[in-house]
Amino acid sequence: MSKGEDKKKEAKKQPLKNMKEKRAEKKAKKGGRSG
């Protein structure tokens, strides 16, 4: 049961991370990390 819940949480967290990472990449490409 614990493992099943963990996997469900991870599956739900992964898409969020991907979205955040994609947004961060877009921001970095537009503005650049330096400034």
Protein backbone atom coordinates (compact mmCIF):
# COMPACT_ATOMS: atom_id res chain seq x y z
CA MET A 1 0.00 0.00 0.00
CA SER A 2 2.75 2.43 0.95
CA LYS A 3 4.62 1.74 -2.28
CA GLY A 4 1.48 2.21 -4.37
CA GLU A 5 0.84 5.58 -2.79
CA ASP A 6 4.45 6.60 -3.26
CA LYS A 7 4.28 5.73 -6.95
CA LYS A 8 1.04 7.67 -7.34
CA LYS A 9 2.60 10.68 -5.64
CA GLU A 10 5.66 10.45 -7.85
CA ALA A 11 3.54 10.17 -11.00
CA LYS A 12 1.62 13.26 -9.93
CA LYS A 13 4.80 15.12 -9.01
CA GLN A 14 6.69 14.28 -12.20
CA PRO A 15 4.46 16.19 -14.63
CA LEU A 16 4.56 19.20 -12.33
CA LYS A 17 8.35 19.08 -12.29
CA ASN A 18 8.49 18.75 -16.07
CA MET A 19 6.22 21.75 -16.46
CA LYS A 20 8.30 23.79 -14.04
CA GLU A 21 11.50 22.71 -15.74
CA LYS A 22 10.09 23.56 -19.16
CA ARG A 23 9.05 26.99 -17.89
CA ALA A 24 12.46 27.54 -16.35
CA GLU A 25 14.10 26.60 -19.64
CA LYS A 26 11.89 29.03 -21.53
CA LYS A 27 12.72 31.77 -19.04
CA ALA A 28 16.43 30.97 -19.27
CA LYS A 29 16.29 31.04 -23.06
CA LYS A 30 14.40 34.33 -23.11
CA GLY A 31 16.23 36.20 -20.37
CA GLY A 32 19.38 34.20 -19.91
CA ARG A 33 20.62 32.94 -16.56
CA SER A 34 23.18 35.72 -16.14
CA GLY A 35 20.62 38.44 -16.32
